[in-house]
Amino acid sequence: TWYLKTPKNQEWAANEFIASTILHRLTGLRGPNVRLVVRDGKPIGIASRWKKGVPLSSSIIKGLKRNNPQKLREIRETAFIHAWLGNRDWAARQNLIVDKQGNIHSIDTGGSLNFRALGASKTDFDRGLLTEMISFLDGTNPAIKGLIDDMTPNEFFYAIQKIYQLSNKEIRLAQINTNKSNQWVLEKIYIHKIEIPDESSVLENAEMVK
């Protein structure tokens, strides 16, 4: 099962696709599995594979700390990926779900890179500085601070290493809008476009979403 998100403009759609693809590349099955939906050669939406689970809550976090710290460590070690992507609400209740095996999945990167979660453009996103990690720890977003506040030095070390699993050859700068800004795209990572006809939905063309 897939669900379709239709951002307000094609740049936002491409932005979320890029962030989701990077996150999936670095976290595997625990990241969002997305396809770019294209009409007339332009991105119009993001098709995401539906994942079953329950929202990550403070009580679940406490239980994982006590009974399954490895599962909690795995999601904590994605913190620097989200910081690098500028994903400032990655730990929001609706963005992290827990499956029956206790694995925690990131399912939404809509607030990454150049856009906020509801589609407004960011004016303070700096690709050259990792300032988001500071805001993750200072309590700007209580959900993030509550999740990573007691990370150990080793966990921070492995979290930083996660970013470097993505080689420079897998990322390049390219034009994706008219004013020559917001130039994040992927080069080597496989892009699966879905071309659907006018007046139709992704569900009506489900055989194309594979």
Protein backbone atom coordinates (compact mmCIF):
# COMPACT_ATOMS: atom_id res chain seq x y z
CA THR A 1 0.00 0.00 0.00
CA TRP A 2 1.19 3.47 -0.88
CA TYR A 3 -0.04 6.92 0.07
CA LEU A 4 0.38 10.08 -1.93
CA LYS A 5 1.49 13.49 -0.71
CA THR A 6 1.01 16.43 -3.05
CA PRO A 7 3.15 19.40 -1.96
CA LYS A 8 2.15 22.88 -3.05
CA ASN A 9 4.85 23.13 -5.70
CA GLN A 10 7.26 20.93 -7.60
CA GLU A 11 10.31 22.26 -5.76
CA TRP A 12 8.90 21.16 -2.42
CA ALA A 13 8.03 17.75 -3.88
CA ALA A 14 11.57 17.31 -5.24
CA ASN A 15 12.98 18.56 -1.94
CA GLU A 16 11.16 15.89 0.09
CA PHE A 17 12.02 13.17 -2.41
CA ILE A 18 15.72 14.00 -2.13
CA ALA A 19 15.69 14.05 1.68
CA SER A 20 13.68 10.81 1.87
CA THR A 21 15.99 9.05 -0.59
CA ILE A 22 19.09 10.09 1.36
CA LEU A 23 17.52 8.93 4.62
CA HIS A 24 16.51 5.60 3.08
CA ARG A 25 19.99 5.15 1.65
CA LEU A 26 21.56 5.65 5.10
CA THR A 27 19.00 3.85 7.29
CA GLY A 28 17.72 1.13 4.98
CA LEU A 29 14.35 -0.38 5.84
CA ARG A 30 13.88 2.05 8.75
CA GLY A 31 13.76 5.03 6.40
CA PRO A 32 10.94 6.14 4.10
CA ASN A 33 10.55 4.23 0.83
CA VAL A 34 9.41 6.82 -1.71
CA ARG A 35 8.77 7.31 -5.40
CA LEU A 36 8.61 10.63 -7.20
CA VAL A 37 5.26 11.12 -8.95
CA VAL A 38 5.65 13.07 -12.19
CA ARG A 39 3.12 14.65 -14.53
CA ASP A 40 4.17 16.33 -17.80
CA GLY A 41 7.78 15.96 -16.74
CA LYS A 42 7.29 17.87 -13.47
CA PRO A 43 7.24 16.49 -9.90
CA ILE A 44 3.74 16.74 -8.45
CA GLY A 45 3.94 14.47 -5.44
CA ILE A 46 5.62 11.83 -3.35
CA ALA A 47 4.31 8.27 -3.16
CA SER A 48 5.41 6.61 0.11
CA ARG A 49 5.09 2.95 0.97
CA TRP A 50 2.77 2.57 3.94
CA LYS A 51 4.35 1.25 7.13
CA LYS A 52 2.44 -0.35 9.97
CA GLY A 53 3.22 0.70 13.51
CA VAL A 54 2.30 2.93 16.41
CA PRO A 55 3.62 6.46 17.07
CA LEU A 56 6.73 6.57 19.24
CA SER A 57 5.67 7.82 22.68
CA SER A 58 7.54 8.69 25.86
CA SER A 59 6.28 5.47 27.48
CA ILE A 60 7.63 3.40 24.56
CA ILE A 61 10.97 5.21 24.82
CA LYS A 62 11.16 4.35 28.54
CA GLY A 63 10.35 0.71 27.76
CA LEU A 64 13.04 0.53 25.08
CA LYS A 65 15.63 2.04 27.43
CA ARG A 66 14.84 -0.71 29.91
CA ASN A 67 14.19 -3.71 27.68
CA ASN A 68 15.63 -3.09 24.21
CA PRO A 69 18.28 -0.34 24.24
CA GLN A 70 19.70 -1.47 20.88
CA LYS A 71 16.50 -0.45 19.08
CA LEU A 72 16.60 2.96 20.74
CA ARG A 73 20.28 3.33 19.90
CA GLU A 74 19.55 2.72 16.22
CA ILE A 75 17.14 5.65 15.94
CA ARG A 76 19.36 7.91 18.05
CA GLU A 77 22.22 7.27 15.67
CA THR A 78 20.18 8.87 12.87
CA ALA A 79 20.21 12.23 14.66
CA PHE A 80 23.11 13.64 12.68
CA ILE A 81 21.51 12.56 9.40
CA HIS A 82 18.44 14.59 10.30
CA ALA A 83 20.62 17.49 11.43
CA TRP A 84 22.52 17.38 8.13
CA LEU A 85 19.22 17.36 6.22
CA GLY A 86 17.84 20.18 8.38
CA ASN A 87 14.92 17.96 9.42
CA ARG A 88 13.94 19.89 12.54
CA ASP A 89 10.83 17.92 13.51
CA TRP A 90 12.03 14.39 12.73
CA ALA A 91 11.13 13.17 16.23
CA ALA A 92 7.60 14.54 16.19
CA ARG A 93 5.08 11.92 17.31
CA GLN A 94 3.61 11.52 13.81
CA ASN A 95 7.02 11.15 12.15
CA LEU A 96 8.38 8.14 14.06
CA ILE A 97 6.55 4.82 14.34
CA VAL A 98 7.40 1.56 16.09
CA ASP A 99 6.68 -1.81 14.47
CA LYS A 100 5.84 -5.08 16.26
CA GLN A 101 9.53 -6.01 16.48
CA GLY A 102 10.39 -2.74 18.25
CA ASN A 103 12.11 -1.17 15.23
CA ILE A 104 11.66 2.59 15.00
CA HIS A 105 10.98 3.99 11.52
CA SER A 106 11.32 7.56 10.23
CA ILE A 107 8.41 8.05 7.86
CA ASP A 108 8.34 11.76 6.97
CA THR A 109 11.08 14.19 5.87
CA GLY A 110 8.79 17.00 4.71
CA GLY A 111 10.53 19.55 6.94
CA SER A 112 14.00 18.90 5.54
CA LEU A 113 16.45 20.97 3.51
CA ASN A 114 14.92 24.19 2.20
CA PHE A 115 11.33 23.76 3.40
CA ARG A 116 9.49 23.63 6.70
CA ALA A 117 7.04 20.84 7.45
CA LEU A 118 4.02 22.79 6.20
CA GLY A 119 5.74 24.06 3.06
CA ALA A 120 7.08 27.48 4.01
CA SER A 121 10.59 28.19 2.74
CA LYS A 122 13.35 28.28 5.35
CA THR A 123 15.34 31.48 5.60
CA ASP A 124 17.92 30.12 8.03
CA PHE A 125 18.99 26.78 6.56
CA ASP A 126 22.75 26.78 6.04
CA ARG A 127 24.13 23.80 4.10
CA GLY A 128 27.62 24.66 5.31
CA LEU A 129 26.90 24.51 9.06
CA LEU A 130 25.36 21.79 11.19
CA THR A 131 23.53 24.22 13.49
CA GLU A 132 20.51 21.92 13.74
CA MET A 133 22.36 19.60 16.10
CA ILE A 134 22.66 22.44 18.60
CA SER A 135 18.92 23.08 18.44
CA PHE A 136 18.30 19.35 18.83
CA LEU A 137 20.10 19.42 22.18
CA ASP A 138 19.04 22.80 23.56
CA GLY A 139 15.34 21.94 23.89
CA THR A 140 14.07 23.95 20.92
CA ASN A 141 12.15 20.82 19.99
CA PRO A 142 11.27 18.92 23.21
CA ALA A 143 10.51 15.69 21.33
CA ILE A 144 14.03 15.56 19.89
CA LYS A 145 15.71 16.53 23.16
CA GLY A 146 13.72 13.87 25.01
CA LEU A 147 14.93 11.23 22.57
CA ILE A 148 18.65 12.08 22.40
CA ASP A 149 19.32 13.98 25.64
CA ASP A 150 21.22 11.14 27.32
CA MET A 151 23.11 9.85 24.28
CA THR A 152 26.56 8.56 25.14
CA PRO A 153 29.79 9.79 23.48
CA ASN A 154 29.96 6.49 21.57
CA GLU A 155 26.44 7.00 20.25
CA PHE A 156 27.36 10.49 19.05
CA PHE A 157 30.47 9.06 17.38
CA TYR A 158 28.47 6.46 15.45
CA ALA A 159 25.79 9.03 14.63
CA ILE A 160 28.40 11.23 12.96
CA GLN A 161 29.78 8.24 11.06
CA LYS A 162 26.35 7.59 9.55
CA ILE A 163 26.64 10.70 7.38
CA TYR A 164 29.91 9.55 5.87
CA GLN A 165 28.36 6.32 4.61
CA LEU A 166 27.04 8.43 1.74
CA SER A 167 29.89 9.06 -0.68
CA ASN A 168 30.47 12.33 -2.48
CA LYS A 169 29.87 10.49 -5.74
CA GLU A 170 26.27 9.91 -4.69
CA ILE A 171 25.44 13.61 -4.38
CA ARG A 172 25.84 16.46 -6.85
CA LEU A 173 24.63 20.04 -7.19
CA ALA A 174 22.07 20.62 -9.93
CA GLN A 175 19.45 23.14 -10.95
CA ILE A 176 15.95 22.42 -9.61
CA ASN A 177 14.33 25.85 -9.71
CA THR A 178 14.42 29.09 -11.62
CA ASN A 179 16.52 31.26 -9.32
CA LYS A 180 19.55 28.93 -9.22
CA SER A 181 19.18 28.15 -5.51
CA ASN A 182 18.16 25.04 -3.59
CA GLN A 183 20.41 22.85 -5.71
CA TRP A 184 20.35 19.56 -3.80
CA VAL A 185 19.81 16.46 -5.95
CA LEU A 186 21.13 12.95 -6.11
CA GLU A 187 23.42 11.59 -8.82
CA LYS A 188 24.09 7.92 -8.22
CA ILE A 189 21.06 6.96 -6.14
CA TYR A 190 18.42 5.31 -8.30
CA ILE A 191 15.46 7.56 -9.13
CA HIS A 192 12.19 5.83 -10.02
CA LYS A 193 9.82 8.31 -11.62
CA ILE A 194 6.12 7.63 -12.04
CA GLU A 195 4.42 9.32 -15.00
CA ILE A 196 0.66 9.36 -14.47
CA PRO A 197 -1.98 10.83 -16.81
CA ASP A 198 -4.07 13.87 -16.02
CA GLU A 199 -7.22 13.47 -13.93
CA SER A 200 -5.96 10.29 -12.28
CA SER A 201 -4.52 9.27 -8.96
CA VAL A 202 -1.56 7.19 -7.89
CA LEU A 203 -3.96 4.54 -6.59
CA GLU A 204 -5.51 4.21 -10.05
CA ASN A 205 -2.03 3.60 -11.40
CA ALA A 206 -0.85 1.30 -8.63
CA GLU A 207 0.88 -1.07 -11.03
CA MET A 208 3.37 1.73 -11.80
CA VAL A 209 4.38 2.11 -8.14
CA LYS A 210 6.74 -0.80 -7.58
